[in-house]
Amino acid sequence: MEAKTRLINFVIDSLFYLLLSVGFIWLVKDYLQKDDARVIFISGYFIYFFISEQIFGQTVGKKITKTQVVREDTKTKPSIIQILIRTIVRIIPLYFLSHPFIGKGLHDYFSKTILIKT
């Protein structure tokens, strides 16, 4: 998958996730403790990607760019373990910098998945 499409996915998903998180935090702000917002941001990031890719095979960014996550070997829907691995690897700081060095993201490399046009 071309780097430009991946960058567009990343930007769209980041903005969408940010809007969802800020909106949720604003709604529950009266009930939050000091570090709750940080926990919401981190767990929300995990939940957004895991649920989107497990249920739909794509996030909002991938839907807009007409791309989808599939198994590297069979080009079919990834297993729940593969999606879990993709999602966990995304939490690694600056993981997205791996694209230029290994030709695909660490989340694709470790989960044995790829991104295809739909």
PDB file of N, CA and C in Angstrom:
ATOM      1  N   MET A   1       0.851  -1.175   0.000  1.00  0.00           N
ATOM      2  CA  MET A   1       0.000   0.000   0.000  1.00  0.00           C
ATOM      3  C   MET A   1       0.887   1.225   0.000  1.00  0.00           C
ATOM      4  N   GLU A   2       0.503   2.173  -0.754  1.00  0.00           N
ATOM      5  CA  GLU A   2       1.304   3.383  -0.922  1.00  0.00           C
ATOM      6  C   GLU A   2       1.346   4.207   0.366  1.00  0.00           C
ATOM      7  N   ALA A   3       2.499   4.818   0.620  1.00  0.00           N
ATOM      8  CA  ALA A   3       2.732   5.573   1.853  1.00  0.00           C
ATOM      9  C   ALA A   3       1.759   6.749   2.003  1.00  0.00           C
ATOM     10  N   LYS A   4       1.392   7.357   0.887  1.00  0.00           N
ATOM     11  CA  LYS A   4       0.463   8.496   0.929  1.00  0.00           C
ATOM     12  C   LYS A   4      -0.896   8.069   1.505  1.00  0.00           C
ATOM     13  N   THR A   5      -1.390   6.914   1.095  1.00  0.00           N
ATOM     14  CA  THR A   5      -2.668   6.408   1.598  1.00  0.00           C
ATOM     15  C   THR A   5      -2.575   6.111   3.083  1.00  0.00           C
ATOM     16  N   ARG A   6      -1.467   5.508   3.501  1.00  0.00           N
ATOM     17  CA  ARG A   6      -1.272   5.216   4.920  1.00  0.00           C
ATOM     18  C   ARG A   6      -1.224   6.499   5.744  1.00  0.00           C
ATOM     19  N   LEU A   7      -0.576   7.516   5.219  1.00  0.00           N
ATOM     20  CA  LEU A   7      -0.507   8.800   5.918  1.00  0.00           C
ATOM     21  C   LEU A   7      -1.893   9.432   6.028  1.00  0.00           C
ATOM     22  N   ILE A   8      -2.667   9.375   4.964  1.00  0.00           N
ATOM     23  CA  ILE A   8      -4.032   9.907   4.988  1.00  0.00           C
ATOM     24  C   ILE A   8      -4.866   9.150   6.027  1.00  0.00           C
ATOM     25  N   ASN A   9      -4.749   7.816   6.036  1.00  0.00           N
ATOM     26  CA  ASN A   9      -5.455   7.009   7.047  1.00  0.00           C
ATOM     27  C   ASN A   9      -5.074   7.447   8.456  1.00  0.00           C
ATOM     28  N   PHE A  10      -3.783   7.610   8.675  1.00  0.00           N
ATOM     29  CA  PHE A  10      -3.273   7.991   9.989  1.00  0.00           C
ATOM     30  C   PHE A  10      -3.834   9.344  10.425  1.00  0.00           C
ATOM     31  N   VAL A  11      -3.821  10.318   9.535  1.00  0.00           N
ATOM     32  CA  VAL A  11      -4.312  11.661   9.864  1.00  0.00           C
ATOM     33  C   VAL A  11      -5.817  11.626  10.145  1.00  0.00           C
ATOM     34  N   ILE A  12      -6.575  10.990   9.274  1.00  0.00           N
ATOM     35  CA  ILE A  12      -8.034  10.919   9.462  1.00  0.00           C
ATOM     36  C   ILE A  12      -8.372  10.189  10.762  1.00  0.00           C
ATOM     37  N   ASP A  13      -7.749   9.035  10.981  1.00  0.00           N
ATOM     38  CA  ASP A  13      -8.027   8.275  12.199  1.00  0.00           C
ATOM     39  C   ASP A  13      -7.609   9.041  13.448  1.00  0.00           C
ATOM     40  N   SER A  14      -6.482   9.731  13.389  1.00  0.00           N
ATOM     41  CA  SER A  14      -6.034  10.513  14.543  1.00  0.00           C
ATOM     42  C   SER A  14      -7.013  11.635  14.858  1.00  0.00           C
ATOM     43  N   LEU A  15      -7.466  12.344  13.833  1.00  0.00           N
ATOM     44  CA  LEU A  15      -8.433  13.424  14.048  1.00  0.00           C
ATOM     45  C   LEU A  15      -9.764  12.888  14.560  1.00  0.00           C
ATOM     46  N   PHE A  16     -10.239  11.809  13.966  1.00  0.00           N
ATOM     47  CA  PHE A  16     -11.507  11.211  14.385  1.00  0.00           C
ATOM     48  C   PHE A  16     -11.417  10.741  15.838  1.00  0.00           C
ATOM     49  N   TYR A  17     -10.340  10.045  16.154  1.00  0.00           N
ATOM     50  CA  TYR A  17     -10.136   9.553  17.517  1.00  0.00           C
ATOM     51  C   TYR A  17     -10.026  10.724  18.494  1.00  0.00           C
ATOM     52  N   LEU A  18      -9.310  11.759  18.117  1.00  0.00           N
ATOM     53  CA  LEU A  18      -9.153  12.937  18.979  1.00  0.00           C
ATOM     54  C   LEU A  18     -10.503  13.595  19.250  1.00  0.00           C
ATOM     55  N   LEU A  19     -11.308  13.763  18.210  1.00  0.00           N
ATOM     56  CA  LEU A  19     -12.634  14.354  18.391  1.00  0.00           C
ATOM     57  C   LEU A  19     -13.514  13.500  19.299  1.00  0.00           C
ATOM     58  N   LEU A  20     -13.508  12.193  19.097  1.00  0.00           N
ATOM     59  CA  LEU A  20     -14.277  11.294  19.960  1.00  0.00           C
ATOM     60  C   LEU A  20     -13.818  11.392  21.410  1.00  0.00           C
ATOM     61  N   SER A  21     -12.508  11.361  21.620  1.00  0.00           N
ATOM     62  CA  SER A  21     -11.965  11.399  22.979  1.00  0.00           C
ATOM     63  C   SER A  21     -12.267  12.714  23.679  1.00  0.00           C
ATOM     64  N   VAL A  22     -12.029  13.809  22.995  1.00  0.00           N
ATOM     65  CA  VAL A  22     -12.286  15.120  23.594  1.00  0.00           C
ATOM     66  C   VAL A  22     -13.774  15.266  23.901  1.00  0.00           C
ATOM     67  N   GLY A  23     -14.618  14.828  22.982  1.00  0.00           N
ATOM     68  CA  GLY A  23     -16.059  14.892  23.211  1.00  0.00           C
ATOM     69  C   GLY A  23     -16.478  14.061  24.413  1.00  0.00           C
ATOM     70  N   PHE A  24     -15.941  12.845  24.521  1.00  0.00           N
ATOM     71  CA  PHE A  24     -16.276  11.979  25.649  1.00  0.00           C
ATOM     72  C   PHE A  24     -15.778  12.582  26.959  1.00  0.00           C
ATOM     73  N   ILE A  25     -14.546  13.065  26.957  1.00  0.00           N
ATOM     74  CA  ILE A  25     -13.981  13.667  28.174  1.00  0.00           C
ATOM     75  C   ILE A  25     -14.793  14.893  28.578  1.00  0.00           C
ATOM     76  N   TRP A  26     -15.204  15.683  27.611  1.00  0.00           N
ATOM     77  CA  TRP A  26     -16.021  16.863  27.915  1.00  0.00           C
ATOM     78  C   TRP A  26     -17.346  16.451  28.555  1.00  0.00           C
ATOM     79  N   LEU A  27     -17.950  15.371  28.047  1.00  0.00           N
ATOM     80  CA  LEU A  27     -19.228  14.906  28.595  1.00  0.00           C
ATOM     81  C   LEU A  27     -19.110  14.415  30.041  1.00  0.00           C
ATOM     82  N   VAL A  28     -17.985  13.801  30.383  1.00  0.00           N
ATOM     83  CA  VAL A  28     -17.832  13.220  31.715  1.00  0.00           C
ATOM     84  C   VAL A  28     -16.847  13.996  32.601  1.00  0.00           C
ATOM     85  N   LYS A  29     -16.504  15.199  32.203  1.00  0.00           N
ATOM     86  CA  LYS A  29     -15.469  15.965  32.909  1.00  0.00           C
ATOM     87  C   LYS A  29     -15.757  16.160  34.398  1.00  0.00           C
ATOM     88  N   ASP A  30     -17.001  16.255  34.759  1.00  0.00           N
ATOM     89  CA  ASP A  30     -17.351  16.474  36.174  1.00  0.00           C
ATOM     90  C   ASP A  30     -17.098  15.242  37.035  1.00  0.00           C
ATOM     91  N   TYR A  31     -16.902  14.093  36.404  1.00  0.00           N
ATOM     92  CA  TYR A  31     -16.709  12.850  37.140  1.00  0.00           C
ATOM     93  C   TYR A  31     -15.273  12.341  37.098  1.00  0.00           C
ATOM     94  N   LEU A  32     -14.382  13.079  36.442  1.00  0.00           N
ATOM     95  CA  LEU A  32     -13.008  12.619  36.250  1.00  0.00           C
ATOM     96  C   LEU A  32     -12.092  13.021  37.398  1.00  0.00           C
ATOM     97  N   GLN A  33     -11.148  12.143  37.680  1.00  0.00           N
ATOM     98  CA  GLN A  33     -10.080  12.440  38.623  1.00  0.00           C
ATOM     99  C   GLN A  33      -8.896  13.009  37.837  1.00  0.00           C
ATOM    100  N   LYS A  34      -7.825  13.309  38.523  1.00  0.00           N
ATOM    101  CA  LYS A  34      -6.663  13.975  37.934  1.00  0.00           C
ATOM    102  C   LYS A  34      -6.117  13.288  36.681  1.00  0.00           C
ATOM    103  N   ASP A  35      -5.832  11.998  36.730  1.00  0.00           N
ATOM    104  CA  ASP A  35      -5.189  11.302  35.605  1.00  0.00           C
ATOM    105  C   ASP A  35      -6.162  10.525  34.724  1.00  0.00           C
ATOM    106  N   ASP A  36      -7.443  10.674  34.938  1.00  0.00           N
ATOM    107  CA  ASP A  36      -8.429   9.906  34.179  1.00  0.00           C
ATOM    108  C   ASP A  36      -8.405  10.215  32.686  1.00  0.00           C
ATOM    109  N   ALA A  37      -8.169  11.458  32.326  1.00  0.00           N
ATOM    110  CA  ALA A  37      -8.161  11.824  30.900  1.00  0.00           C
ATOM    111  C   ALA A  37      -7.066  11.064  30.157  1.00  0.00           C
ATOM    112  N   ARG A  38      -5.911  10.914  30.775  1.00  0.00           N
ATOM    113  CA  ARG A  38      -4.807  10.178  30.150  1.00  0.00           C
ATOM    114  C   ARG A  38      -5.203   8.719  29.925  1.00  0.00           C
ATOM    115  N   VAL A  39      -5.823   8.117  30.913  1.00  0.00           N
ATOM    116  CA  VAL A  39      -6.273   6.727  30.796  1.00  0.00           C
ATOM    117  C   VAL A  39      -7.325   6.607  29.689  1.00  0.00           C
ATOM    118  N   ILE A  40      -8.226   7.570  29.613  1.00  0.00           N
ATOM    119  CA  ILE A  40      -9.257   7.570  28.568  1.00  0.00           C
ATOM    120  C   ILE A  40      -8.617   7.670  27.189  1.00  0.00           C
ATOM    121  N   PHE A  41      -7.628   8.543  27.020  1.00  0.00           N
ATOM    122  CA  PHE A  41      -6.972   8.692  25.722  1.00  0.00           C
ATOM    123  C   PHE A  41      -6.283   7.397  25.299  1.00  0.00           C
ATOM    124  N   ILE A  42      -5.548   6.786  26.205  1.00  0.00           N
ATOM    125  CA  ILE A  42      -4.803   5.567  25.856  1.00  0.00           C
ATOM    126  C   ILE A  42      -5.747   4.390  25.615  1.00  0.00           C
ATOM    127  N   SER A  43      -6.676   4.164  26.516  1.00  0.00           N
ATOM    128  CA  SER A  43      -7.591   3.035  26.334  1.00  0.00           C
ATOM    129  C   SER A  43      -8.535   3.273  25.159  1.00  0.00           C
ATOM    130  N   GLY A  44      -8.924   4.530  24.953  1.00  0.00           N
ATOM    131  CA  GLY A  44      -9.786   4.856  23.814  1.00  0.00           C
ATOM    132  C   GLY A  44      -9.096   4.581  22.489  1.00  0.00           C
ATOM    133  N   TYR A  45      -7.805   4.870  22.411  1.00  0.00           N
ATOM    134  CA  TYR A  45      -7.015   4.605  21.202  1.00  0.00           C
ATOM    135  C   TYR A  45      -7.032   3.120  20.897  1.00  0.00           C
ATOM    136  N   PHE A  46      -6.767   2.328  21.932  1.00  0.00           N
ATOM    137  CA  PHE A  46      -6.775   0.874  21.785  1.00  0.00           C
ATOM    138  C   PHE A  46      -8.153   0.388  21.341  1.00  0.00           C
ATOM    139  N   ILE A  47      -9.183   0.838  22.018  1.00  0.00           N
ATOM    140  CA  ILE A  47     -10.556   0.410  21.723  1.00  0.00           C
ATOM    141  C   ILE A  47     -10.968   0.816  20.311  1.00  0.00           C
ATOM    142  N   TYR A  48     -10.653   2.057  19.914  1.00  0.00           N
ATOM    143  CA  TYR A  48     -11.028   2.543  18.575  1.00  0.00           C
ATOM    144  C   TYR A  48     -10.473   1.625  17.484  1.00  0.00           C
ATOM    145  N   PHE A  49      -9.175   1.369  17.519  1.00  0.00           N
ATOM    146  CA  PHE A  49      -8.571   0.549  16.470  1.00  0.00           C
ATOM    147  C   PHE A  49      -8.996  -0.911  16.563  1.00  0.00           C
ATOM    148  N   PHE A  50      -9.022  -1.455  17.754  1.00  0.00           N
ATOM    149  CA  PHE A  50      -9.375  -2.869  17.912  1.00  0.00           C
ATOM    150  C   PHE A  50     -10.801  -3.135  17.435  1.00  0.00           C
ATOM    151  N   ILE A  51     -11.743  -2.365  17.911  1.00  0.00           N
ATOM    152  CA  ILE A  51     -13.155  -2.583  17.544  1.00  0.00           C
ATOM    153  C   ILE A  51     -13.366  -2.317  16.047  1.00  0.00           C
ATOM    154  N   SER A  52     -12.840  -1.213  15.545  1.00  0.00           N
ATOM    155  CA  SER A  52     -13.038  -0.876  14.135  1.00  0.00           C
ATOM    156  C   SER A  52     -12.507  -1.945  13.205  1.00  0.00           C
ATOM    157  N   GLU A  53     -11.279  -2.385  13.471  1.00  0.00           N
ATOM    158  CA  GLU A  53     -10.670  -3.363  12.570  1.00  0.00           C
ATOM    159  C   GLU A  53     -11.212  -4.767  12.791  1.00  0.00           C
ATOM    160  N   GLN A  54     -11.593  -5.113  14.004  1.00  0.00           N
ATOM    161  CA  GLN A  54     -12.132  -6.453  14.254  1.00  0.00           C
ATOM    162  C   GLN A  54     -13.531  -6.597  13.668  1.00  0.00           C
ATOM    163  N   ILE A  55     -14.375  -5.625  13.875  1.00  0.00           N
ATOM    164  CA  ILE A  55     -15.764  -5.737  13.418  1.00  0.00           C
ATOM    165  C   ILE A  55     -15.907  -5.398  11.935  1.00  0.00           C
ATOM    166  N   PHE A  56     -15.284  -4.294  11.504  1.00  0.00           N
ATOM    167  CA  PHE A  56     -15.489  -3.806  10.139  1.00  0.00           C
ATOM    168  C   PHE A  56     -14.317  -4.078   9.194  1.00  0.00           C
ATOM    169  N   GLY A  57     -13.151  -4.443   9.736  1.00  0.00           N
ATOM    170  CA  GLY A  57     -11.974  -4.644   8.904  1.00  0.00           C
ATOM    171  C   GLY A  57     -11.338  -3.332   8.472  1.00  0.00           C
ATOM    172  N   GLN A  58     -11.871  -2.241   8.975  1.00  0.00           N
ATOM    173  CA  GLN A  58     -11.331  -0.929   8.619  1.00  0.00           C
ATOM    174  C   GLN A  58     -11.762   0.120   9.644  1.00  0.00           C
ATOM    175  N   THR A  59     -10.943   1.151   9.735  1.00  0.00           N
ATOM    176  CA  THR A  59     -11.251   2.306  10.577  1.00  0.00           C
ATOM    177  C   THR A  59     -11.939   3.353   9.710  1.00  0.00           C
ATOM    178  N   VAL A  60     -12.273   4.472  10.285  1.00  0.00           N
ATOM    179  CA  VAL A  60     -12.897   5.564   9.515  1.00  0.00           C
ATOM    180  C   VAL A  60     -11.953   6.011   8.391  1.00  0.00           C
ATOM    181  N   GLY A  61     -10.665   6.152   8.709  1.00  0.00           N
ATOM    182  CA  GLY A  61      -9.689   6.551   7.688  1.00  0.00           C
ATOM    183  C   GLY A  61      -9.619   5.560   6.550  1.00  0.00           C
ATOM    184  N   LYS A  62      -9.618   4.282   6.864  1.00  0.00           N
ATOM    185  CA  LYS A  62      -9.569   3.244   5.832  1.00  0.00           C
ATOM    186  C   LYS A  62     -10.861   3.213   5.018  1.00  0.00           C
ATOM    187  N   LYS A  63     -11.966   3.475   5.671  1.00  0.00           N
ATOM    188  CA  LYS A  63     -13.255   3.535   4.952  1.00  0.00           C
ATOM    189  C   LYS A  63     -13.219   4.657   3.906  1.00  0.00           C
ATOM    190  N   ILE A  64     -12.720   5.815   4.301  1.00  0.00           N
ATOM    191  CA  ILE A  64     -12.652   6.970   3.394  1.00  0.00           C
ATOM    192  C   ILE A  64     -11.690   6.715   2.234  1.00  0.00           C
ATOM    193  N   THR A  65     -10.553   6.070   2.520  1.00  0.00           N
ATOM    194  CA  THR A  65      -9.570   5.807   1.460  1.00  0.00           C
ATOM    195  C   THR A  65      -9.817   4.485   0.736  1.00  0.00           C
ATOM    196  N   LYS A  66     -10.915   3.817   1.105  1.00  0.00           N
ATOM    197  CA  LYS A  66     -11.298   2.554   0.467  1.00  0.00           C
ATOM    198  C   LYS A  66     -10.190   1.499   0.569  1.00  0.00           C
ATOM    199  N   THR A  67      -9.688   1.338   1.793  1.00  0.00           N
ATOM    200  CA  THR A  67      -8.703   0.301   2.066  1.00  0.00           C
ATOM    201  C   THR A  67      -9.213  -0.571   3.202  1.00  0.00           C
ATOM    202  N   GLN A  68      -8.617  -1.760   3.334  1.00  0.00           N
ATOM    203  CA  GLN A  68      -9.075  -2.712   4.340  1.00  0.00           C
ATOM    204  C   GLN A  68      -7.906  -3.572   4.803  1.00  0.00           C
ATOM    205  N   VAL A  69      -7.956  -3.990   6.056  1.00  0.00           N
ATOM    206  CA  VAL A  69      -6.952  -4.876   6.634  1.00  0.00           C
ATOM    207  C   VAL A  69      -7.330  -6.321   6.313  1.00  0.00           C
ATOM    208  N   VAL A  70      -6.356  -7.090   5.806  1.00  0.00           N
ATOM    209  CA  VAL A  70      -6.570  -8.509   5.526  1.00  0.00           C
ATOM    210  C   VAL A  70      -5.341  -9.310   5.970  1.00  0.00           C
ATOM    211  N   ARG A  71      -5.516 -10.621   6.079  1.00  0.00           N
ATOM    212  CA  ARG A  71      -4.402 -11.528   6.385  1.00  0.00           C
ATOM    213  C   ARG A  71      -3.401 -11.478   5.232  1.00  0.00           C
ATOM    214  N   GLU A  72      -2.144 -11.487   5.560  1.00  0.00           N
ATOM    215  CA  GLU A  72      -1.095 -11.440   4.549  1.00  0.00           C
ATOM    216  C   GLU A  72      -1.106 -12.682   3.659  1.00  0.00           C
ATOM    217  N   ASP A  73      -1.379 -13.843   4.226  1.00  0.00           N
ATOM    218  CA  ASP A  73      -1.277 -15.093   3.484  1.00  0.00           C
ATOM    219  C   ASP A  73      -2.504 -15.412   2.636  1.00  0.00           C
ATOM    220  N   THR A  74      -3.693 -15.150   3.141  1.00  0.00           N
ATOM    221  CA  THR A  74      -4.906 -15.562   2.422  1.00  0.00           C
ATOM    222  C   THR A  74      -5.762 -14.403   1.913  1.00  0.00           C
ATOM    223  N   LYS A  75      -5.406 -13.195   2.293  1.00  0.00           N
ATOM    224  CA  LYS A  75      -6.167 -11.983   1.901  1.00  0.00           C
ATOM    225  C   LYS A  75      -7.613 -12.034   2.404  1.00  0.00           C
ATOM    226  N   THR A  76      -7.825 -12.727   3.536  1.00  0.00           N
ATOM    227  CA  THR A  76      -9.142 -12.816   4.152  1.00  0.00           C
ATOM    228  C   THR A  76      -9.134 -12.035   5.468  1.00  0.00           C
ATOM    229  N   LYS A  77     -10.268 -12.033   6.132  1.00  0.00           N
ATOM    230  CA  LYS A  77     -10.402 -11.301   7.386  1.00  0.00           C
ATOM    231  C   LYS A  77      -9.389 -11.802   8.414  1.00  0.00           C
ATOM    232  N   PRO A  78      -8.658 -10.878   9.046  1.00  0.00           N
ATOM    233  CA  PRO A  78      -7.686 -11.276  10.067  1.00  0.00           C
ATOM    234  C   PRO A  78      -8.372 -11.884  11.295  1.00  0.00           C
ATOM    235  N   SER A  79      -7.632 -12.719  12.002  1.00  0.00           N
ATOM    236  CA  SER A  79      -8.150 -13.300  13.236  1.00  0.00           C
ATOM    237  C   SER A  79      -8.165 -12.238  14.335  1.00  0.00           C
ATOM    238  N   ILE A  80      -8.866 -12.536  15.395  1.00  0.00           N
ATOM    239  CA  ILE A  80      -8.923 -11.607  16.517  1.00  0.00           C
ATOM    240  C   ILE A  80      -7.532 -11.416  17.134  1.00  0.00           C
ATOM    241  N   ILE A  81      -6.703 -12.450  17.108  1.00  0.00           N
ATOM    242  CA  ILE A  81      -5.328 -12.355  17.625  1.00  0.00           C
ATOM    243  C   ILE A  81      -4.503 -11.420  16.756  1.00  0.00           C
ATOM    244  N   GLN A  82      -4.659 -11.510  15.442  1.00  0.00           N
ATOM    245  CA  GLN A  82      -3.925 -10.619  14.546  1.00  0.00           C
ATOM    246  C   GLN A  82      -4.323  -9.162  14.783  1.00  0.00           C
ATOM    247  N   ILE A  83      -5.605  -8.914  14.969  1.00  0.00           N
ATOM    248  CA  ILE A  83      -6.062  -7.546  15.224  1.00  0.00           C
ATOM    249  C   ILE A  83      -5.554  -7.078  16.584  1.00  0.00           C
ATOM    250  N   LEU A  84      -5.546  -7.959  17.558  1.00  0.00           N
ATOM    251  CA  LEU A  84      -5.027  -7.613  18.874  1.00  0.00           C
ATOM    252  C   LEU A  84      -3.547  -7.237  18.790  1.00  0.00           C
ATOM    253  N   ILE A  85      -2.772  -8.003  18.048  1.00  0.00           N
ATOM    254  CA  ILE A  85      -1.344  -7.702  17.863  1.00  0.00           C
ATOM    255  C   ILE A  85      -1.186  -6.356  17.164  1.00  0.00           C
ATOM    256  N   ARG A  86      -1.939  -6.116  16.090  1.00  0.00           N
ATOM    257  CA  ARG A  86      -1.879  -4.824  15.377  1.00  0.00           C
ATOM    258  C   ARG A  86      -2.123  -3.668  16.342  1.00  0.00           C
ATOM    259  N   THR A  87      -3.121  -3.836  17.177  1.00  0.00           N
ATOM    260  CA  THR A  87      -3.525  -2.772  18.074  1.00  0.00           C
ATOM    261  C   THR A  87      -2.491  -2.538  19.171  1.00  0.00           C
ATOM    262  N   ILE A  88      -1.964  -3.608  19.734  1.00  0.00           N
ATOM    263  CA  ILE A  88      -0.945  -3.466  20.779  1.00  0.00           C
ATOM    264  C   ILE A  88       0.302  -2.778  20.228  1.00  0.00           C
ATOM    265  N   VAL A  89       0.733  -3.175  19.044  1.00  0.00           N
ATOM    266  CA  VAL A  89       1.939  -2.587  18.448  1.00  0.00           C
ATOM    267  C   VAL A  89       1.742  -1.091  18.189  1.00  0.00           C
ATOM    268  N   ARG A  90       0.532  -0.679  17.885  1.00  0.00           N
ATOM    269  CA  ARG A  90       0.266   0.749  17.651  1.00  0.00           C
ATOM    270  C   ARG A  90       0.543   1.611  18.881  1.00  0.00           C
ATOM    271  N   ILE A  91       0.523   1.007  20.050  1.00  0.00           N
ATOM    272  CA  ILE A  91       0.745   1.778  21.276  1.00  0.00           C
ATOM    273  C   ILE A  91       2.237   2.102  21.463  1.00  0.00           C
ATOM    274  N   ILE A  92       3.112   1.400  20.745  1.00  0.00           N
ATOM    275  CA  ILE A  92       4.549   1.688  20.817  1.00  0.00           C
ATOM    276  C   ILE A  92       4.778   3.109  20.295  1.00  0.00           C
ATOM    277  N   PRO A  93       5.444   3.955  21.094  1.00  0.00           N
ATOM    278  CA  PRO A  93       5.691   5.325  20.631  1.00  0.00           C
ATOM    279  C   PRO A  93       6.446   5.348  19.298  1.00  0.00           C
ATOM    280  N   LEU A  94       5.980   6.161  18.402  1.00  0.00           N
ATOM    281  CA  LEU A  94       6.598   6.395  17.091  1.00  0.00           C
ATOM    282  C   LEU A  94       6.679   5.134  16.223  1.00  0.00           C
ATOM    283  N   TYR A  95       5.778   4.184  16.446  1.00  0.00           N
ATOM    284  CA  TYR A  95       5.775   2.949  15.655  1.00  0.00           C
ATOM    285  C   TYR A  95       5.640   3.224  14.156  1.00  0.00           C
ATOM    286  N   PHE A  96       4.943   4.302  13.823  1.00  0.00           N
ATOM    287  CA  PHE A  96       4.670   4.614  12.419  1.00  0.00           C
ATOM    288  C   PHE A  96       5.933   4.975  11.644  1.00  0.00           C
ATOM    289  N   LEU A  97       7.031   5.233  12.326  1.00  0.00           N
ATOM    290  CA  LEU A  97       8.286   5.541  11.639  1.00  0.00           C
ATOM    291  C   LEU A  97       8.917   4.294  11.012  1.00  0.00           C
ATOM    292  N   SER A  98       8.355   3.127  11.277  1.00  0.00           N
ATOM    293  CA  SER A  98       8.905   1.890  10.716  1.00  0.00           C
ATOM    294  C   SER A  98       8.618   1.735   9.231  1.00  0.00           C
ATOM    295  N   HIS A  99       7.619   2.400   8.711  1.00  0.00           N
ATOM    296  CA  HIS A  99       7.228   2.244   7.302  1.00  0.00           C
ATOM    297  C   HIS A  99       8.392   2.430   6.330  1.00  0.00           C
ATOM    298  N   PRO A 100       9.159   3.508   6.451  1.00  0.00           N
ATOM    299  CA  PRO A 100      10.250   3.685   5.473  1.00  0.00           C
ATOM    300  C   PRO A 100      11.354   2.642   5.587  1.00  0.00           C
ATOM    301  N   PHE A 101      11.499   2.017   6.747  1.00  0.00           N
ATOM    302  CA  PHE A 101      12.620   1.110   6.960  1.00  0.00           C
ATOM    303  C   PHE A 101      12.321  -0.343   6.618  1.00  0.00           C
ATOM    304  N   ILE A 102      11.100  -0.803   6.854  1.00  0.00           N
ATOM    305  CA  ILE A 102      10.789  -2.208   6.554  1.00  0.00           C
ATOM    306  C   ILE A 102       9.714  -2.354   5.479  1.00  0.00           C
ATOM    307  N   GLY A 103       9.285  -1.243   4.890  1.00  0.00           N
ATOM    308  CA  GLY A 103       8.331  -1.301   3.784  1.00  0.00           C
ATOM    309  C   GLY A 103       6.884  -1.394   4.203  1.00  0.00           C
ATOM    310  N   LYS A 104       6.665  -1.660   5.475  1.00  0.00           N
ATOM    311  CA  LYS A 104       5.309  -1.661   6.017  1.00  0.00           C
ATOM    312  C   LYS A 104       5.418  -1.375   7.507  1.00  0.00           C
ATOM    313  N   GLY A 105       4.295  -1.086   8.116  1.00  0.00           N
ATOM    314  CA  GLY A 105       4.310  -0.748   9.529  1.00  0.00           C
ATOM    315  C   GLY A 105       4.598  -1.941  10.413  1.00  0.00           C
ATOM    316  N   LEU A 106       5.129  -1.667  11.585  1.00  0.00           N
ATOM    317  CA  LEU A 106       5.379  -2.738  12.542  1.00  0.00           C
ATOM    318  C   LEU A 106       4.102  -3.482  12.881  1.00  0.00           C
ATOM    319  N   HIS A 107       2.980  -2.760  12.912  1.00  0.00           N
ATOM    320  CA  HIS A 107       1.703  -3.411  13.228  1.00  0.00           C
ATOM    321  C   HIS A 107       1.321  -4.430  12.158  1.00  0.00           C
ATOM    322  N   ASP A 108       1.655  -4.164  10.906  1.00  0.00           N
ATOM    323  CA  ASP A 108       1.423  -5.140   9.831  1.00  0.00           C
ATOM    324  C   ASP A 108       2.450  -6.270   9.901  1.00  0.00           C
ATOM    325  N   TYR A 109       3.694  -5.917  10.143  1.00  0.00           N
ATOM    326  CA  TYR A 109       4.781  -6.891  10.172  1.00  0.00           C
ATOM    327  C   TYR A 109       4.544  -7.969  11.233  1.00  0.00           C
ATOM    328  N   PHE A 110       4.273  -7.557  12.456  1.00  0.00           N
ATOM    329  CA  PHE A 110       4.113  -8.512  13.554  1.00  0.00           C
ATOM    330  C   PHE A 110       2.784  -9.274  13.509  1.00  0.00           C
ATOM    331  N   SER A 111       1.757  -8.659  12.945  1.00  0.00           N
ATOM    332  CA  SER A 111       0.452  -9.334  12.903  1.00  0.00           C
ATOM    333  C   SER A 111       0.234 -10.131  11.620  1.00  0.00           C
ATOM    334  N   LYS A 112       1.189 -10.050  10.693  1.00  0.00           N
ATOM    335  CA  LYS A 112       1.076 -10.765   9.407  1.00  0.00           C
ATOM    336  C   LYS A 112      -0.188 -10.339   8.650  1.00  0.00           C
ATOM    337  N   THR A 113      -0.410  -9.019   8.622  1.00  0.00           N
ATOM    338  CA  THR A 113      -1.550  -8.460   7.891  1.00  0.00           C
ATOM    339  C   THR A 113      -1.024  -7.446   6.883  1.00  0.00           C
ATOM    340  N   ILE A 114      -1.891  -7.096   5.930  1.00  0.00           N
ATOM    341  CA  ILE A 114      -1.576  -6.069   4.956  1.00  0.00           C
ATOM    342  C   ILE A 114      -2.810  -5.210   4.753  1.00  0.00           C
ATOM    343  N   LEU A 115      -2.604  -4.113   4.070  1.00  0.00           N
ATOM    344  CA  LEU A 115      -3.688  -3.209   3.733  1.00  0.00           C
ATOM    345  C   LEU A 115      -3.916  -3.302   2.234  1.00  0.00           C
ATOM    346  N   ILE A 116      -5.168  -3.493   1.810  1.00  0.00           N
ATOM    347  CA  ILE A 116      -5.474  -3.590   0.395  1.00  0.00           C
ATOM    348  C   ILE A 116      -6.561  -2.578   0.020  1.00  0.00           C
ATOM    349  N   LYS A 117      -6.660  -2.262  -1.250  1.00  0.00           N
ATOM    350  CA  LYS A 117      -7.757  -1.443  -1.767  1.00  0.00           C
ATOM    351  C   LYS A 117      -9.007  -2.306  -1.828  1.00  0.00           C
ATOM    352  N   THR A 118     -10.165  -1.708  -1.490  1.00  0.00           N
ATOM    353  CA  THR A 118     -11.416  -2.468  -1.550  1.00  0.00           C
ATOM    354  C   THR A 118     -12.183  -2.126  -2.802  1.00  0.00           C
TER     355      THR A 118
END
